[in-house]
Amino acid sequence: MKFKVLTASAALFFSSISFASAPISELNISYVKPPFVLQLLVLKDHKLLEKEFEKDGIKVN
């Protein structure tokens, strides 16, 4: 019984490693004006997201 649990746990662990996703290279953000959200407008006007993600090599659109 313990062997089956250990084997199943090992299989689950190693299968999760093989399905790791590729690193993000581009991030698409859509800004909607009708509901006035000050934080989003400030982020867009000052390009805060672009500056923050630029450090990691991620392009923000």
PDB file of N, CA and C in Angstrom:
ATOM      1  N   MET A   1       0.826  -1.192   0.000  1.00  0.00           N
ATOM      2  CA  MET A   1       0.000   0.000   0.000  1.00  0.00           C
ATOM      3  C   MET A   1       0.875   1.262   0.000  1.00  0.00           C
ATOM      4  N   LYS A   2       1.890   1.294   0.876  1.00  0.00           N
ATOM      5  CA  LYS A   2       2.773   2.453   0.938  1.00  0.00           C
ATOM      6  C   LYS A   2       3.523   2.636  -0.370  1.00  0.00           C
ATOM      7  N   PHE A   3       3.889   1.529  -0.992  1.00  0.00           N
ATOM      8  CA  PHE A   3       4.622   1.603  -2.260  1.00  0.00           C
ATOM      9  C   PHE A   3       3.754   2.239  -3.343  1.00  0.00           C
ATOM     10  N   LYS A   4       2.466   1.889  -3.379  1.00  0.00           N
ATOM     11  CA  LYS A   4       1.556   2.456  -4.380  1.00  0.00           C
ATOM     12  C   LYS A   4       1.397   3.961  -4.179  1.00  0.00           C
ATOM     13  N   VAL A   5       1.280   4.380  -2.930  1.00  0.00           N
ATOM     14  CA  VAL A   5       1.139   5.803  -2.633  1.00  0.00           C
ATOM     15  C   VAL A   5       2.413   6.548  -3.012  1.00  0.00           C
ATOM     16  N   LEU A   6       3.547   5.972  -2.686  1.00  0.00           N
ATOM     17  CA  LEU A   6       4.827   6.595  -3.020  1.00  0.00           C
ATOM     18  C   LEU A   6       5.016   6.671  -4.529  1.00  0.00           C
ATOM     19  N   THR A   7       4.665   5.604  -5.227  1.00  0.00           N
ATOM     20  CA  THR A   7       4.785   5.587  -6.685  1.00  0.00           C
ATOM     21  C   THR A   7       3.857   6.620  -7.326  1.00  0.00           C
ATOM     22  N   ALA A   8       2.623   6.700  -6.837  1.00  0.00           N
ATOM     23  CA  ALA A   8       1.671   7.673  -7.380  1.00  0.00           C
ATOM     24  C   ALA A   8       2.136   9.102  -7.102  1.00  0.00           C
ATOM     25  N   SER A   9       2.674   9.342  -5.923  1.00  0.00           N
ATOM     26  CA  SER A   9       3.177  10.677  -5.591  1.00  0.00           C
ATOM     27  C   SER A   9       4.348  11.062  -6.474  1.00  0.00           C
ATOM     28  N   ALA A  10       5.262  10.127  -6.703  1.00  0.00           N
ATOM     29  CA  ALA A  10       6.416  10.396  -7.561  1.00  0.00           C
ATOM     30  C   ALA A  10       5.973  10.661  -8.994  1.00  0.00           C
ATOM     31  N   ALA A  11       5.017   9.885  -9.485  1.00  0.00           N
ATOM     32  CA  ALA A  11       4.527  10.084 -10.854  1.00  0.00           C
ATOM     33  C   ALA A  11       3.863  11.449 -10.993  1.00  0.00           C
ATOM     34  N   LEU A  12       3.091  11.836 -10.014  1.00  0.00           N
ATOM     35  CA  LEU A  12       2.434  13.147 -10.042  1.00  0.00           C
ATOM     36  C   LEU A  12       3.458  14.272 -10.009  1.00  0.00           C
ATOM     37  N   PHE A  13       4.472  14.135  -9.176  1.00  0.00           N
ATOM     38  CA  PHE A  13       5.511  15.156  -9.066  1.00  0.00           C
ATOM     39  C   PHE A  13       6.267  15.321 -10.379  1.00  0.00           C
ATOM     40  N   PHE A  14       6.720  14.218 -10.966  1.00  0.00           N
ATOM     41  CA  PHE A  14       7.509  14.312 -12.192  1.00  0.00           C
ATOM     42  C   PHE A  14       6.671  14.716 -13.398  1.00  0.00           C
ATOM     43  N   SER A  15       5.387  14.387 -13.413  1.00  0.00           N
ATOM     44  CA  SER A  15       4.546  14.820 -14.527  1.00  0.00           C
ATOM     45  C   SER A  15       4.286  16.317 -14.456  1.00  0.00           C
ATOM     46  N   SER A  16       4.222  16.868 -13.247  1.00  0.00           N
ATOM     47  CA  SER A  16       3.999  18.306 -13.130  1.00  0.00           C
ATOM     48  C   SER A  16       5.211  19.098 -13.593  1.00  0.00           C
ATOM     49  N   ILE A  17       6.394  18.537 -13.440  1.00  0.00           N
ATOM     50  CA  ILE A  17       7.607  19.210 -13.908  1.00  0.00           C
ATOM     51  C   ILE A  17       7.630  19.274 -15.430  1.00  0.00           C
ATOM     52  N   SER A  18       7.204  18.236 -16.094  1.00  0.00           N
ATOM     53  CA  SER A  18       7.267  18.199 -17.551  1.00  0.00           C
ATOM     54  C   SER A  18       6.226  19.107 -18.202  1.00  0.00           C
ATOM     55  N   PHE A  19       5.184  19.509 -17.464  1.00  0.00           N
ATOM     56  CA  PHE A  19       4.154  20.365 -18.025  1.00  0.00           C
ATOM     57  C   PHE A  19       4.319  21.821 -17.614  1.00  0.00           C
ATOM     58  N   ALA A  20       5.498  22.213 -17.196  1.00  0.00           N
ATOM     59  CA  ALA A  20       5.748  23.602 -16.809  1.00  0.00           C
ATOM     60  C   ALA A  20       5.579  24.489 -18.039  1.00  0.00           C
ATOM     61  N   SER A  21       4.987  25.652 -17.837  1.00  0.00           N
ATOM     62  CA  SER A  21       4.721  26.555 -18.956  1.00  0.00           C
ATOM     63  C   SER A  21       5.962  27.360 -19.318  1.00  0.00           C
ATOM     64  N   ALA A  22       5.954  27.869 -20.529  1.00  0.00           N
ATOM     65  CA  ALA A  22       7.052  28.697 -21.017  1.00  0.00           C
ATOM     66  C   ALA A  22       7.002  30.059 -20.314  1.00  0.00           C
ATOM     67  N   PRO A  23       8.139  30.709 -20.172  1.00  0.00           N
ATOM     68  CA  PRO A  23       8.139  32.032 -19.524  1.00  0.00           C
ATOM     69  C   PRO A  23       7.357  33.054 -20.357  1.00  0.00           C
ATOM     70  N   ILE A  24       6.789  34.019 -19.678  1.00  0.00           N
ATOM     71  CA  ILE A  24       5.992  35.056 -20.340  1.00  0.00           C
ATOM     72  C   ILE A  24       6.929  36.045 -21.026  1.00  0.00           C
ATOM     73  N   SER A  25       6.642  36.352 -22.286  1.00  0.00           N
ATOM     74  CA  SER A  25       7.468  37.317 -23.010  1.00  0.00           C
ATOM     75  C   SER A  25       6.672  38.573 -23.375  1.00  0.00           C
ATOM     76  N   GLU A  26       5.337  38.476 -23.299  1.00  0.00           N
ATOM     77  CA  GLU A  26       4.498  39.602 -23.691  1.00  0.00           C
ATOM     78  C   GLU A  26       3.228  39.584 -22.837  1.00  0.00           C
ATOM     79  N   LEU A  27       2.780  40.762 -22.420  1.00  0.00           N
ATOM     80  CA  LEU A  27       1.586  40.899 -21.588  1.00  0.00           C
ATOM     81  C   LEU A  27       0.669  41.921 -22.228  1.00  0.00           C
ATOM     82  N   ASN A  28      -0.553  41.513 -22.552  1.00  0.00           N
ATOM     83  CA  ASN A  28      -1.521  42.415 -23.179  1.00  0.00           C
ATOM     84  C   ASN A  28      -2.506  42.908 -22.137  1.00  0.00           C
ATOM     85  N   ILE A  29      -2.595  44.222 -21.991  1.00  0.00           N
ATOM     86  CA  ILE A  29      -3.479  44.864 -21.026  1.00  0.00           C
ATOM     87  C   ILE A  29      -4.494  45.703 -21.789  1.00  0.00           C
ATOM     88  N   SER A  30      -5.762  45.573 -21.424  1.00  0.00           N
ATOM     89  CA  SER A  30      -6.784  46.437 -22.035  1.00  0.00           C
ATOM     90  C   SER A  30      -7.321  47.382 -20.969  1.00  0.00           C
ATOM     91  N   TYR A  31      -7.393  48.631 -21.312  1.00  0.00           N
ATOM     92  CA  TYR A  31      -7.891  49.667 -20.403  1.00  0.00           C
ATOM     93  C   TYR A  31      -9.285  50.080 -20.846  1.00  0.00           C
ATOM     94  N   VAL A  32     -10.211  50.105 -19.929  1.00  0.00           N
ATOM     95  CA  VAL A  32     -11.589  50.483 -20.233  1.00  0.00           C
ATOM     96  C   VAL A  32     -11.879  51.807 -19.527  1.00  0.00           C
ATOM     97  N   LYS A  33     -12.318  52.797 -20.280  1.00  0.00           N
ATOM     98  CA  LYS A  33     -12.537  54.118 -19.706  1.00  0.00           C
ATOM     99  C   LYS A  33     -13.887  54.299 -19.001  1.00  0.00           C
ATOM    100  N   PRO A  34     -14.990  53.707 -19.463  1.00  0.00           N
ATOM    101  CA  PRO A  34     -16.289  54.026 -18.853  1.00  0.00           C
ATOM    102  C   PRO A  34     -16.360  53.885 -17.334  1.00  0.00           C
ATOM    103  N   PRO A  35     -15.977  52.769 -16.732  1.00  0.00           N
ATOM    104  CA  PRO A  35     -15.966  52.820 -15.267  1.00  0.00           C
ATOM    105  C   PRO A  35     -14.668  53.500 -14.831  1.00  0.00           C
ATOM    106  N   PHE A  36     -14.769  54.699 -14.319  1.00  0.00           N
ATOM    107  CA  PHE A  36     -13.586  55.495 -13.983  1.00  0.00           C
ATOM    108  C   PHE A  36     -12.809  54.854 -12.834  1.00  0.00           C
ATOM    109  N   VAL A  37     -11.649  54.332 -13.163  1.00  0.00           N
ATOM    110  CA  VAL A  37     -10.776  53.721 -12.163  1.00  0.00           C
ATOM    111  C   VAL A  37      -9.455  54.486 -12.204  1.00  0.00           C
ATOM    112  N   LEU A  38      -9.246  55.315 -11.210  1.00  0.00           N
ATOM    113  CA  LEU A  38      -8.085  56.197 -11.169  1.00  0.00           C
ATOM    114  C   LEU A  38      -6.768  55.425 -11.219  1.00  0.00           C
ATOM    115  N   GLN A  39      -6.692  54.300 -10.516  1.00  0.00           N
ATOM    116  CA  GLN A  39      -5.446  53.529 -10.476  1.00  0.00           C
ATOM    117  C   GLN A  39      -5.032  53.066 -11.872  1.00  0.00           C
ATOM    118  N   LEU A  40      -5.994  52.609 -12.666  1.00  0.00           N
ATOM    119  CA  LEU A  40      -5.667  52.145 -14.016  1.00  0.00           C
ATOM    120  C   LEU A  40      -5.211  53.289 -14.912  1.00  0.00           C
ATOM    121  N   LEU A  41      -5.856  54.439 -14.770  1.00  0.00           N
ATOM    122  CA  LEU A  41      -5.461  55.594 -15.580  1.00  0.00           C
ATOM    123  C   LEU A  41      -4.049  56.070 -15.225  1.00  0.00           C
ATOM    124  N   VAL A  42      -3.709  56.057 -13.943  1.00  0.00           N
ATOM    125  CA  VAL A  42      -2.365  56.444 -13.515  1.00  0.00           C
ATOM    126  C   VAL A  42      -1.342  55.437 -14.035  1.00  0.00           C
ATOM    127  N   LEU A  43      -1.654  54.140 -13.937  1.00  0.00           N
ATOM    128  CA  LEU A  43      -0.748  53.102 -14.458  1.00  0.00           C
ATOM    129  C   LEU A  43      -0.464  53.322 -15.937  1.00  0.00           C
ATOM    130  N   LYS A  44      -1.532  53.646 -16.691  1.00  0.00           N
ATOM    131  CA  LYS A  44      -1.382  53.830 -18.128  1.00  0.00           C
ATOM    132  C   LYS A  44      -0.609  55.114 -18.453  1.00  0.00           C
ATOM    133  N   ASP A  45      -0.977  56.230 -17.822  1.00  0.00           N
ATOM    134  CA  ASP A  45      -0.350  57.522 -18.136  1.00  0.00           C
ATOM    135  C   ASP A  45       1.131  57.560 -17.773  1.00  0.00           C
ATOM    136  N   HIS A  46       1.492  56.955 -16.655  1.00  0.00           N
ATOM    137  CA  HIS A  46       2.889  56.973 -16.210  1.00  0.00           C
ATOM    138  C   HIS A  46       3.687  55.758 -16.681  1.00  0.00           C
ATOM    139  N   LYS A  47       3.015  54.876 -17.442  1.00  0.00           N
ATOM    140  CA  LYS A  47       3.646  53.658 -17.978  1.00  0.00           C
ATOM    141  C   LYS A  47       4.346  52.852 -16.886  1.00  0.00           C
ATOM    142  N   LEU A  48       3.679  52.716 -15.751  1.00  0.00           N
ATOM    143  CA  LEU A  48       4.264  52.015 -14.608  1.00  0.00           C
ATOM    144  C   LEU A  48       4.415  50.515 -14.868  1.00  0.00           C
ATOM    145  N   LEU A  49       3.430  49.924 -15.551  1.00  0.00           N
ATOM    146  CA  LEU A  49       3.541  48.495 -15.850  1.00  0.00           C
ATOM    147  C   LEU A  49       4.680  48.227 -16.825  1.00  0.00           C
ATOM    148  N   GLU A  50       4.812  49.069 -17.830  1.00  0.00           N
ATOM    149  CA  GLU A  50       5.887  48.895 -18.801  1.00  0.00           C
ATOM    150  C   GLU A  50       7.253  48.966 -18.124  1.00  0.00           C
ATOM    151  N   LYS A  51       7.419  49.930 -17.222  1.00  0.00           N
ATOM    152  CA  LYS A  51       8.691  50.098 -16.524  1.00  0.00           C
ATOM    153  C   LYS A  51       8.991  48.918 -15.612  1.00  0.00           C
ATOM    154  N   GLU A  52       7.979  48.406 -14.923  1.00  0.00           N
ATOM    155  CA  GLU A  52       8.187  47.309 -13.981  1.00  0.00           C
ATOM    156  C   GLU A  52       8.515  45.995 -14.697  1.00  0.00           C
ATOM    157  N   PHE A  53       7.774  45.693 -15.764  1.00  0.00           N
ATOM    158  CA  PHE A  53       7.995  44.432 -16.470  1.00  0.00           C
ATOM    159  C   PHE A  53       9.194  44.480 -17.405  1.00  0.00           C
ATOM    160  N   GLU A  54       9.647  45.681 -17.749  1.00  0.00           N
ATOM    161  CA  GLU A  54      10.815  45.825 -18.618  1.00  0.00           C
ATOM    162  C   GLU A  54      12.057  45.192 -17.967  1.00  0.00           C
ATOM    163  N   LYS A  55      12.121  45.234 -16.634  1.00  0.00           N
ATOM    164  CA  LYS A  55      13.255  44.650 -15.910  1.00  0.00           C
ATOM    165  C   LYS A  55      13.371  43.157 -16.152  1.00  0.00           C
ATOM    166  N   ASP A  56      12.232  42.494 -16.376  1.00  0.00           N
ATOM    167  CA  ASP A  56      12.208  41.050 -16.599  1.00  0.00           C
ATOM    168  C   ASP A  56      12.185  40.690 -18.067  1.00  0.00           C
ATOM    169  N   GLY A  57      12.236  41.679 -18.952  1.00  0.00           N
ATOM    170  CA  GLY A  57      12.228  41.421 -20.386  1.00  0.00           C
ATOM    171  C   GLY A  57      10.847  41.086 -20.927  1.00  0.00           C
ATOM    172  N   ILE A  58       9.798  41.555 -20.240  1.00  0.00           N
ATOM    173  CA  ILE A  58       8.419  41.290 -20.666  1.00  0.00           C
ATOM    174  C   ILE A  58       7.861  42.560 -21.298  1.00  0.00           C
ATOM    175  N   LYS A  59       7.376  42.422 -22.523  1.00  0.00           N
ATOM    176  CA  LYS A  59       6.805  43.554 -23.241  1.00  0.00           C
ATOM    177  C   LYS A  59       5.334  43.705 -22.867  1.00  0.00           C
ATOM    178  N   VAL A  60       4.911  44.932 -22.515  1.00  0.00           N
ATOM    179  CA  VAL A  60       3.523  45.212 -22.152  1.00  0.00           C
ATOM    180  C   VAL A  60       2.869  45.983 -23.277  1.00  0.00           C
ATOM    181  N   ASN A  61       1.742  45.466 -23.760  1.00  0.00           N
ATOM    182  CA  ASN A  61       0.975  46.132 -24.833  1.00  0.00           C
ATOM    183  C   ASN A  61      -0.279  46.702 -24.255  1.00  0.00           C
TER     184      ASN A  61
END
